[in-house]
Amino acid sequence: MTDAIKPFHNTTTQSERRETLENDQRVQRDTLQFRTSADLGLENTGRYAKPFAVTGQTPTPQYPAGPNWAPDPVGVEPPLGIDVNAM
């Protein structure tokens, strides 16, 4: 815990602090996470590029027309005239 009354004494020079900052930035660019994210950018380019497709971009799927026997041209059948439940 720091003491708020005690002043902070930094004995390093401005050039040393700048050098430390530049070294920290250089080290951060050489991490496994940085290299992995850079490789992901290269993975989706060139001849191995994945096709760009959006799932659900059409509201309903467009199916091909069915065979000619699929529609029912008869329509609504007339009643038989007898009670089938009476048997």
PDB file of N, CA and C in Angstrom:
ATOM      1  N   MET A   1       0.834  -1.172   0.000  1.00  0.00           N
ATOM      2  CA  MET A   1       0.000   0.000   0.000  1.00  0.00           C
ATOM      3  C   MET A   1       0.883   1.241   0.000  1.00  0.00           C
ATOM      4  N   THR A   2       0.517   2.230  -0.773  1.00  0.00           N
ATOM      5  CA  THR A   2       1.340   3.435  -0.853  1.00  0.00           C
ATOM      6  C   THR A   2       0.919   4.448   0.198  1.00  0.00           C
ATOM      7  N   ASP A   3       1.855   5.244   0.599  1.00  0.00           N
ATOM      8  CA  ASP A   3       1.580   6.290   1.570  1.00  0.00           C
ATOM      9  C   ASP A   3       1.328   7.587   0.803  1.00  0.00           C
ATOM     10  N   ALA A   4       0.163   8.194   0.970  1.00  0.00           N
ATOM     11  CA  ALA A   4      -0.206   9.380   0.195  1.00  0.00           C
ATOM     12  C   ALA A   4       0.608  10.598   0.605  1.00  0.00           C
ATOM     13  N   ILE A   5       1.154  10.606   1.786  1.00  0.00           N
ATOM     14  CA  ILE A   5       1.910  11.763   2.258  1.00  0.00           C
ATOM     15  C   ILE A   5       3.327  11.746   1.709  1.00  0.00           C
ATOM     16  N   LYS A   6       3.874  10.563   1.504  1.00  0.00           N
ATOM     17  CA  LYS A   6       5.251  10.423   1.061  1.00  0.00           C
ATOM     18  C   LYS A   6       5.359  10.753  -0.440  1.00  0.00           C
ATOM     19  N   PRO A   7       6.266  11.628  -0.860  1.00  0.00           N
ATOM     20  CA  PRO A   7       6.401  11.955  -2.290  1.00  0.00           C
ATOM     21  C   PRO A   7       7.069  10.801  -3.056  1.00  0.00           C
ATOM     22  N   PHE A   8       6.761  10.714  -4.354  1.00  0.00           N
ATOM     23  CA  PHE A   8       7.327   9.672  -5.206  1.00  0.00           C
ATOM     24  C   PHE A   8       8.629  10.179  -5.818  1.00  0.00           C
ATOM     25  N   HIS A   9       9.692   9.413  -5.659  1.00  0.00           N
ATOM     26  CA  HIS A   9      10.992   9.805  -6.200  1.00  0.00           C
ATOM     27  C   HIS A   9      11.358   8.853  -7.328  1.00  0.00           C
ATOM     28  N   ASN A  10      11.456   9.377  -8.528  1.00  0.00           N
ATOM     29  CA  ASN A  10      11.862   8.591  -9.682  1.00  0.00           C
ATOM     30  C   ASN A  10      13.243   9.068 -10.088  1.00  0.00           C
ATOM     31  N   THR A  11      14.224   8.186  -9.961  1.00  0.00           N
ATOM     32  CA  THR A  11      15.602   8.594 -10.221  1.00  0.00           C
ATOM     33  C   THR A  11      16.045   8.296 -11.639  1.00  0.00           C
ATOM     34  N   THR A  12      15.163   7.757 -12.490  1.00  0.00           N
ATOM     35  CA  THR A  12      15.563   7.451 -13.872  1.00  0.00           C
ATOM     36  C   THR A  12      15.448   8.693 -14.733  1.00  0.00           C
ATOM     37  N   THR A  13      16.250   8.715 -15.783  1.00  0.00           N
ATOM     38  CA  THR A  13      16.204   9.849 -16.708  1.00  0.00           C
ATOM     39  C   THR A  13      15.103   9.632 -17.740  1.00  0.00           C
ATOM     40  N   GLN A  14      14.784  10.702 -18.457  1.00  0.00           N
ATOM     41  CA  GLN A  14      13.748  10.623 -19.486  1.00  0.00           C
ATOM     42  C   GLN A  14      14.146   9.646 -20.588  1.00  0.00           C
ATOM     43  N   SER A  15      15.408   9.593 -20.956  1.00  0.00           N
ATOM     44  CA  SER A  15      15.850   8.676 -22.017  1.00  0.00           C
ATOM     45  C   SER A  15      15.739   7.216 -21.558  1.00  0.00           C
ATOM     46  N   GLU A  16      16.019   6.941 -20.277  1.00  0.00           N
ATOM     47  CA  GLU A  16      15.870   5.576 -19.763  1.00  0.00           C
ATOM     48  C   GLU A  16      14.396   5.154 -19.755  1.00  0.00           C
ATOM     49  N   ARG A  17      13.513   6.059 -19.377  1.00  0.00           N
ATOM     50  CA  ARG A  17      12.084   5.735 -19.383  1.00  0.00           C
ATOM     51  C   ARG A  17      11.575   5.506 -20.803  1.00  0.00           C
ATOM     52  N   ARG A  18      12.039   6.305 -21.762  1.00  0.00           N
ATOM     53  CA  ARG A  18      11.630   6.121 -23.154  1.00  0.00           C
ATOM     54  C   ARG A  18      12.146   4.778 -23.689  1.00  0.00           C
ATOM     55  N   GLU A  19      13.365   4.432 -23.348  1.00  0.00           N
ATOM     56  CA  GLU A  19      13.949   3.154 -23.768  1.00  0.00           C
ATOM     57  C   GLU A  19      13.171   1.978 -23.177  1.00  0.00           C
ATOM     58  N   THR A  20      12.783   2.097 -21.916  1.00  0.00           N
ATOM     59  CA  THR A  20      11.994   1.051 -21.272  1.00  0.00           C
ATOM     60  C   THR A  20      10.629   0.915 -21.941  1.00  0.00           C
ATOM     61  N   LEU A  21      10.007   2.033 -22.261  1.00  0.00           N
ATOM     62  CA  LEU A  21       8.708   2.008 -22.927  1.00  0.00           C
ATOM     63  C   LEU A  21       8.802   1.345 -24.296  1.00  0.00           C
ATOM     64  N   GLU A  22       9.813   1.702 -25.075  1.00  0.00           N
ATOM     65  CA  GLU A  22       9.983   1.096 -26.404  1.00  0.00           C
ATOM     66  C   GLU A  22      10.250  -0.394 -26.300  1.00  0.00           C
ATOM     67  N   ASN A  23      11.018  -0.812 -25.293  1.00  0.00           N
ATOM     68  CA  ASN A  23      11.284  -2.236 -25.100  1.00  0.00           C
ATOM     69  C   ASN A  23       9.997  -2.973 -24.720  1.00  0.00           C
ATOM     70  N   ASP A  24       9.190  -2.382 -23.851  1.00  0.00           N
ATOM     71  CA  ASP A  24       7.923  -3.012 -23.470  1.00  0.00           C
ATOM     72  C   ASP A  24       7.000  -3.171 -24.674  1.00  0.00           C
ATOM     73  N   GLN A  25       6.938  -2.165 -25.538  1.00  0.00           N
ATOM     74  CA  GLN A  25       6.094  -2.250 -26.732  1.00  0.00           C
ATOM     75  C   GLN A  25       6.611  -3.323 -27.693  1.00  0.00           C
ATOM     76  N   ARG A  26       7.912  -3.446 -27.810  1.00  0.00           N
ATOM     77  CA  ARG A  26       8.513  -4.458 -28.686  1.00  0.00           C
ATOM     78  C   ARG A  26       8.222  -5.861 -28.161  1.00  0.00           C
ATOM     79  N   VAL A  27       8.304  -6.044 -26.855  1.00  0.00           N
ATOM     80  CA  VAL A  27       8.058  -7.346 -26.238  1.00  0.00           C
ATOM     81  C   VAL A  27       6.589  -7.729 -26.373  1.00  0.00           C
ATOM     82  N   GLN A  28       5.681  -6.783 -26.262  1.00  0.00           N
ATOM     83  CA  GLN A  28       4.256  -7.068 -26.386  1.00  0.00           C
ATOM     84  C   GLN A  28       3.895  -7.544 -27.787  1.00  0.00           C
ATOM     85  N   ARG A  29       4.625  -7.106 -28.805  1.00  0.00           N
ATOM     86  CA  ARG A  29       4.342  -7.547 -30.169  1.00  0.00           C
ATOM     87  C   ARG A  29       4.898  -8.940 -30.450  1.00  0.00           C
ATOM     88  N   ASP A  30       5.679  -9.468 -29.535  1.00  0.00           N
ATOM     89  CA  ASP A  30       6.292 -10.766 -29.753  1.00  0.00           C
ATOM     90  C   ASP A  30       5.724 -11.808 -28.788  1.00  0.00           C
ATOM     91  N   THR A  31       4.426 -11.769 -28.562  1.00  0.00           N
ATOM     92  CA  THR A  31       3.797 -12.760 -27.703  1.00  0.00           C
ATOM     93  C   THR A  31       3.110 -13.815 -28.571  1.00  0.00           C
ATOM     94  N   LEU A  32       2.755 -14.934 -27.958  1.00  0.00           N
ATOM     95  CA  LEU A  32       2.075 -16.005 -28.674  1.00  0.00           C
ATOM     96  C   LEU A  32       0.708 -15.546 -29.169  1.00  0.00           C
ATOM     97  N   GLN A  33       0.011 -14.766 -28.360  1.00  0.00           N
ATOM     98  CA  GLN A  33      -1.307 -14.278 -28.764  1.00  0.00           C
ATOM     99  C   GLN A  33      -1.196 -13.352 -29.967  1.00  0.00           C
ATOM    100  N   PHE A  34      -0.200 -12.503 -29.992  1.00  0.00           N
ATOM    101  CA  PHE A  34      -0.020 -11.587 -31.125  1.00  0.00           C
ATOM    102  C   PHE A  34       0.310 -12.369 -32.389  1.00  0.00           C
ATOM    103  N   ARG A  35       1.177 -13.355 -32.272  1.00  0.00           N
ATOM    104  CA  ARG A  35       1.535 -14.155 -33.450  1.00  0.00           C
ATOM    105  C   ARG A  35       0.348 -14.967 -33.960  1.00  0.00           C
ATOM    106  N   THR A  36      -0.455 -15.519 -33.039  1.00  0.00           N
ATOM    107  CA  THR A  36      -1.620 -16.303 -33.431  1.00  0.00           C
ATOM    108  C   THR A  36      -2.646 -15.443 -34.146  1.00  0.00           C
ATOM    109  N   SER A  37      -2.899 -14.254 -33.627  1.00  0.00           N
ATOM    110  CA  SER A  37      -3.872 -13.383 -34.278  1.00  0.00           C
ATOM    111  C   SER A  37      -3.356 -12.915 -35.637  1.00  0.00           C
ATOM    112  N   ALA A  38      -2.066 -12.748 -35.797  1.00  0.00           N
ATOM    113  CA  ALA A  38      -1.511 -12.378 -37.095  1.00  0.00           C
ATOM    114  C   ALA A  38      -1.631 -13.544 -38.079  1.00  0.00           C
ATOM    115  N   ASP A  39      -1.448 -14.775 -37.601  1.00  0.00           N
ATOM    116  CA  ASP A  39      -1.587 -15.941 -38.467  1.00  0.00           C
ATOM    117  C   ASP A  39      -3.029 -16.153 -38.900  1.00  0.00           C
ATOM    118  N   LEU A  40      -3.990 -15.809 -38.049  1.00  0.00           N
ATOM    119  CA  LEU A  40      -5.393 -15.943 -38.429  1.00  0.00           C
ATOM    120  C   LEU A  40      -5.743 -15.031 -39.596  1.00  0.00           C
ATOM    121  N   GLY A  41      -5.112 -13.871 -39.645  1.00  0.00           N
ATOM    122  CA  GLY A  41      -5.333 -12.963 -40.767  1.00  0.00           C
ATOM    123  C   GLY A  41      -4.805 -13.541 -42.066  1.00  0.00           C
ATOM    124  N   LEU A  42      -3.748 -14.324 -42.009  1.00  0.00           N
ATOM    125  CA  LEU A  42      -3.170 -14.928 -43.214  1.00  0.00           C
ATOM    126  C   LEU A  42      -3.884 -16.205 -43.619  1.00  0.00           C
ATOM    127  N   GLU A  43      -4.586 -16.833 -42.676  1.00  0.00           N
ATOM    128  CA  GLU A  43      -5.219 -18.123 -42.943  1.00  0.00           C
ATOM    129  C   GLU A  43      -6.350 -18.011 -43.963  1.00  0.00           C
ATOM    130  N   ASN A  44      -7.050 -16.895 -43.963  1.00  0.00           N
ATOM    131  CA  ASN A  44      -8.211 -16.744 -44.824  1.00  0.00           C
ATOM    132  C   ASN A  44      -7.897 -16.001 -46.114  1.00  0.00           C
ATOM    133  N   THR A  45      -6.672 -16.136 -46.602  1.00  0.00           N
ATOM    134  CA  THR A  45      -6.297 -15.479 -47.849  1.00  0.00           C
ATOM    135  C   THR A  45      -5.694 -16.503 -48.801  1.00  0.00           C
ATOM    136  N   GLY A  46      -5.536 -16.106 -50.038  1.00  0.00           N
ATOM    137  CA  GLY A  46      -4.885 -16.970 -51.013  1.00  0.00           C
ATOM    138  C   GLY A  46      -5.770 -18.114 -51.470  1.00  0.00           C
ATOM    139  N   ARG A  47      -5.148 -19.197 -51.887  1.00  0.00           N
ATOM    140  CA  ARG A  47      -5.923 -20.294 -52.454  1.00  0.00           C
ATOM    141  C   ARG A  47      -6.641 -21.126 -51.397  1.00  0.00           C
ATOM    142  N   TYR A  48      -6.306 -20.945 -50.132  1.00  0.00           N
ATOM    143  CA  TYR A  48      -6.980 -21.667 -49.060  1.00  0.00           C
ATOM    144  C   TYR A  48      -8.057 -20.805 -48.394  1.00  0.00           C
ATOM    145  N   ALA A  49      -8.456 -19.738 -49.040  1.00  0.00           N
ATOM    146  CA  ALA A  49      -9.460 -18.846 -48.462  1.00  0.00           C
ATOM    147  C   ALA A  49     -10.803 -19.554 -48.358  1.00  0.00           C
ATOM    148  N   LYS A  50     -11.480 -19.280 -47.276  1.00  0.00           N
ATOM    149  CA  LYS A  50     -12.801 -19.859 -47.066  1.00  0.00           C
ATOM    150  C   LYS A  50     -13.829 -18.991 -47.775  1.00  0.00           C
ATOM    151  N   PRO A  51     -14.842 -19.595 -48.391  1.00  0.00           N
ATOM    152  CA  PRO A  51     -15.849 -18.771 -49.062  1.00  0.00           C
ATOM    153  C   PRO A  51     -16.658 -17.973 -48.043  1.00  0.00           C
ATOM    154  N   PHE A  52     -17.023 -16.787 -48.432  1.00  0.00           N
ATOM    155  CA  PHE A  52     -17.783 -15.908 -47.553  1.00  0.00           C
ATOM    156  C   PHE A  52     -19.257 -16.199 -47.752  1.00  0.00           C
ATOM    157  N   ALA A  53     -19.904 -16.709 -46.738  1.00  0.00           N
ATOM    158  CA  ALA A  53     -21.331 -17.024 -46.818  1.00  0.00           C
ATOM    159  C   ALA A  53     -22.005 -16.591 -45.523  1.00  0.00           C
ATOM    160  N   VAL A  54     -23.187 -15.997 -45.666  1.00  0.00           N
ATOM    161  CA  VAL A  54     -23.953 -15.569 -44.505  1.00  0.00           C
ATOM    162  C   VAL A  54     -25.106 -16.539 -44.330  1.00  0.00           C
ATOM    163  N   THR A  55     -25.189 -17.162 -43.167  1.00  0.00           N
ATOM    164  CA  THR A  55     -26.263 -18.099 -42.891  1.00  0.00           C
ATOM    165  C   THR A  55     -27.560 -17.332 -42.710  1.00  0.00           C
ATOM    166  N   GLY A  56     -28.588 -17.786 -43.408  1.00  0.00           N
ATOM    167  CA  GLY A  56     -29.896 -17.167 -43.281  1.00  0.00           C
ATOM    168  C   GLY A  56     -30.034 -15.862 -44.018  1.00  0.00           C
ATOM    169  N   GLN A  57     -29.318 -15.673 -45.118  1.00  0.00           N
ATOM    170  CA  GLN A  57     -29.413 -14.397 -45.813  1.00  0.00           C
ATOM    171  C   GLN A  57     -30.689 -14.289 -46.638  1.00  0.00           C
ATOM    172  N   THR A  58     -31.338 -15.418 -47.003  1.00  0.00           N
ATOM    173  CA  THR A  58     -32.641 -15.360 -47.659  1.00  0.00           C
ATOM    174  C   THR A  58     -33.709 -15.696 -46.626  1.00  0.00           C
ATOM    175  N   PRO A  59     -34.884 -15.080 -46.695  1.00  0.00           N
ATOM    176  CA  PRO A  59     -35.895 -15.336 -45.665  1.00  0.00           C
ATOM    177  C   PRO A  59     -36.439 -16.761 -45.697  1.00  0.00           C
ATOM    178  N   THR A  60     -36.653 -17.329 -46.868  1.00  0.00           N
ATOM    179  CA  THR A  60     -37.122 -18.711 -46.976  1.00  0.00           C
ATOM    180  C   THR A  60     -36.283 -19.424 -48.019  1.00  0.00           C
ATOM    181  N   PRO A  61     -36.015 -20.699 -47.818  1.00  0.00           N
ATOM    182  CA  PRO A  61     -35.215 -21.421 -48.811  1.00  0.00           C
ATOM    183  C   PRO A  61     -35.987 -21.564 -50.120  1.00  0.00           C
ATOM    184  N   GLN A  62     -35.291 -21.495 -51.216  1.00  0.00           N
ATOM    185  CA  GLN A  62     -35.898 -21.645 -52.534  1.00  0.00           C
ATOM    186  C   GLN A  62     -35.690 -23.095 -52.995  1.00  0.00           C
ATOM    187  N   TYR A  63     -36.705 -23.933 -52.764  1.00  0.00           N
ATOM    188  CA  TYR A  63     -36.606 -25.329 -53.143  1.00  0.00           C
ATOM    189  C   TYR A  63     -36.979 -25.492 -54.612  1.00  0.00           C
ATOM    190  N   PRO A  64     -36.416 -26.489 -55.296  1.00  0.00           N
ATOM    191  CA  PRO A  64     -36.819 -26.732 -56.678  1.00  0.00           C
ATOM    192  C   PRO A  64     -38.257 -27.251 -56.723  1.00  0.00           C
ATOM    193  N   ALA A  65     -38.894 -27.060 -57.866  1.00  0.00           N
ATOM    194  CA  ALA A  65     -40.276 -27.519 -58.027  1.00  0.00           C
ATOM    195  C   ALA A  65     -40.317 -29.034 -57.940  1.00  0.00           C
ATOM    196  N   GLY A  66     -41.390 -29.551 -57.338  1.00  0.00           N
ATOM    197  CA  GLY A  66     -41.532 -30.988 -57.163  1.00  0.00           C
ATOM    198  C   GLY A  66     -41.945 -31.673 -58.466  1.00  0.00           C
ATOM    199  N   PRO A  67     -42.084 -33.003 -58.466  1.00  0.00           N
ATOM    200  CA  PRO A  67     -42.499 -33.728 -59.666  1.00  0.00           C
ATOM    201  C   PRO A  67     -43.962 -33.421 -60.020  1.00  0.00           C
ATOM    202  N   ASN A  68     -44.356 -33.785 -61.228  1.00  0.00           N
ATOM    203  CA  ASN A  68     -45.695 -33.414 -61.694  1.00  0.00           C
ATOM    204  C   ASN A  68     -46.797 -34.195 -60.989  1.00  0.00           C
ATOM    205  N   TRP A  69     -46.503 -35.290 -60.296  1.00  0.00           N
ATOM    206  CA  TRP A  69     -47.541 -36.046 -59.598  1.00  0.00           C
ATOM    207  C   TRP A  69     -47.753 -35.543 -58.168  1.00  0.00           C
ATOM    208  N   ALA A  70     -46.962 -34.600 -57.691  1.00  0.00           N
ATOM    209  CA  ALA A  70     -47.065 -34.133 -56.318  1.00  0.00           C
ATOM    210  C   ALA A  70     -48.313 -33.282 -56.050  1.00  0.00           C
ATOM    211  N   PRO A  71     -48.745 -32.383 -56.923  1.00  0.00           N
ATOM    212  CA  PRO A  71     -49.937 -31.599 -56.594  1.00  0.00           C
ATOM    213  C   PRO A  71     -51.198 -32.456 -56.664  1.00  0.00           C
ATOM    214  N   ASP A  72     -52.217 -32.078 -55.897  1.00  0.00           N
ATOM    215  CA  ASP A  72     -53.481 -32.829 -55.851  1.00  0.00           C
ATOM    216  C   ASP A  72     -54.525 -32.090 -56.692  1.00  0.00           C
ATOM    217  N   PRO A  73     -54.756 -32.513 -57.956  1.00  0.00           N
ATOM    218  CA  PRO A  73     -55.687 -31.785 -58.818  1.00  0.00           C
ATOM    219  C   PRO A  73     -57.148 -32.063 -58.493  1.00  0.00           C
ATOM    220  N   VAL A  74     -57.437 -33.059 -57.636  1.00  0.00           N
ATOM    221  CA  VAL A  74     -58.828 -33.436 -57.353  1.00  0.00           C
ATOM    222  C   VAL A  74     -59.524 -32.364 -56.518  1.00  0.00           C
ATOM    223  N   GLY A  75     -58.844 -31.820 -55.534  1.00  0.00           N
ATOM    224  CA  GLY A  75     -59.449 -30.822 -54.679  1.00  0.00           C
ATOM    225  C   GLY A  75     -60.195 -31.470 -53.529  1.00  0.00           C
ATOM    226  N   VAL A  76     -61.292 -30.840 -53.096  1.00  0.00           N
ATOM    227  CA  VAL A  76     -62.078 -31.336 -51.967  1.00  0.00           C
ATOM    228  C   VAL A  76     -63.036 -32.412 -52.478  1.00  0.00           C
ATOM    229  N   GLU A  77     -63.025 -33.586 -51.828  1.00  0.00           N
ATOM    230  CA  GLU A  77     -63.907 -34.680 -52.254  1.00  0.00           C
ATOM    231  C   GLU A  77     -65.311 -34.476 -51.683  1.00  0.00           C
ATOM    232  N   PRO A  78     -66.360 -34.826 -52.427  1.00  0.00           N
ATOM    233  CA  PRO A  78     -67.734 -34.695 -51.914  1.00  0.00           C
ATOM    234  C   PRO A  78     -68.000 -35.755 -50.850  1.00  0.00           C
ATOM    235  N   PRO A  79     -68.964 -35.532 -49.941  1.00  0.00           N
ATOM    236  CA  PRO A  79     -69.263 -36.530 -48.904  1.00  0.00           C
ATOM    237  C   PRO A  79     -69.795 -37.807 -49.521  1.00  0.00           C
ATOM    238  N   LEU A  80     -69.638 -38.954 -48.820  1.00  0.00           N
ATOM    239  CA  LEU A  80     -70.047 -40.258 -49.329  1.00  0.00           C
ATOM    240  C   LEU A  80     -71.556 -40.483 -49.273  1.00  0.00           C
ATOM    241  N   GLY A  81     -72.221 -39.812 -48.377  1.00  0.00           N
ATOM    242  CA  GLY A  81     -73.663 -39.975 -48.264  1.00  0.00           C
ATOM    243  C   GLY A  81     -74.069 -40.981 -47.196  1.00  0.00           C
ATOM    244  N   ILE A  82     -73.139 -41.692 -46.608  1.00  0.00           N
ATOM    245  CA  ILE A  82     -73.449 -42.639 -45.537  1.00  0.00           C
ATOM    246  C   ILE A  82     -72.593 -42.290 -44.328  1.00  0.00           C
ATOM    247  N   ASP A  83     -72.995 -42.750 -43.152  1.00  0.00           N
ATOM    248  CA  ASP A  83     -72.239 -42.493 -41.932  1.00  0.00           C
ATOM    249  C   ASP A  83     -71.221 -43.600 -41.739  1.00  0.00           C
ATOM    250  N   VAL A  84     -69.927 -43.272 -41.838  1.00  0.00           N
ATOM    251  CA  VAL A  84     -68.882 -44.289 -41.721  1.00  0.00           C
ATOM    252  C   VAL A  84     -68.723 -44.741 -40.269  1.00  0.00           C
ATOM    253  N   ASN A  85     -69.087 -43.944 -39.311  1.00  0.00           N
ATOM    254  CA  ASN A  85     -68.948 -44.297 -37.909  1.00  0.00           C
ATOM    255  C   ASN A  85     -70.071 -45.241 -37.444  1.00  0.00           C
ATOM    256  N   ALA A  86     -71.077 -45.450 -38.272  1.00  0.00           N
ATOM    257  CA  ALA A  86     -72.202 -46.305 -37.881  1.00  0.00           C
ATOM    258  C   ALA A  86     -71.879 -47.768 -38.062  1.00  0.00           C
ATOM    259  N   MET A  87     -70.841 -48.110 -38.700  1.00  0.00           N
ATOM    260  CA  MET A  87     -70.520 -49.522 -38.967  1.00  0.00           C
ATOM    261  C   MET A  87     -70.107 -50.248 -37.739  1.00  0.00           C
TER     262      MET A  87
END
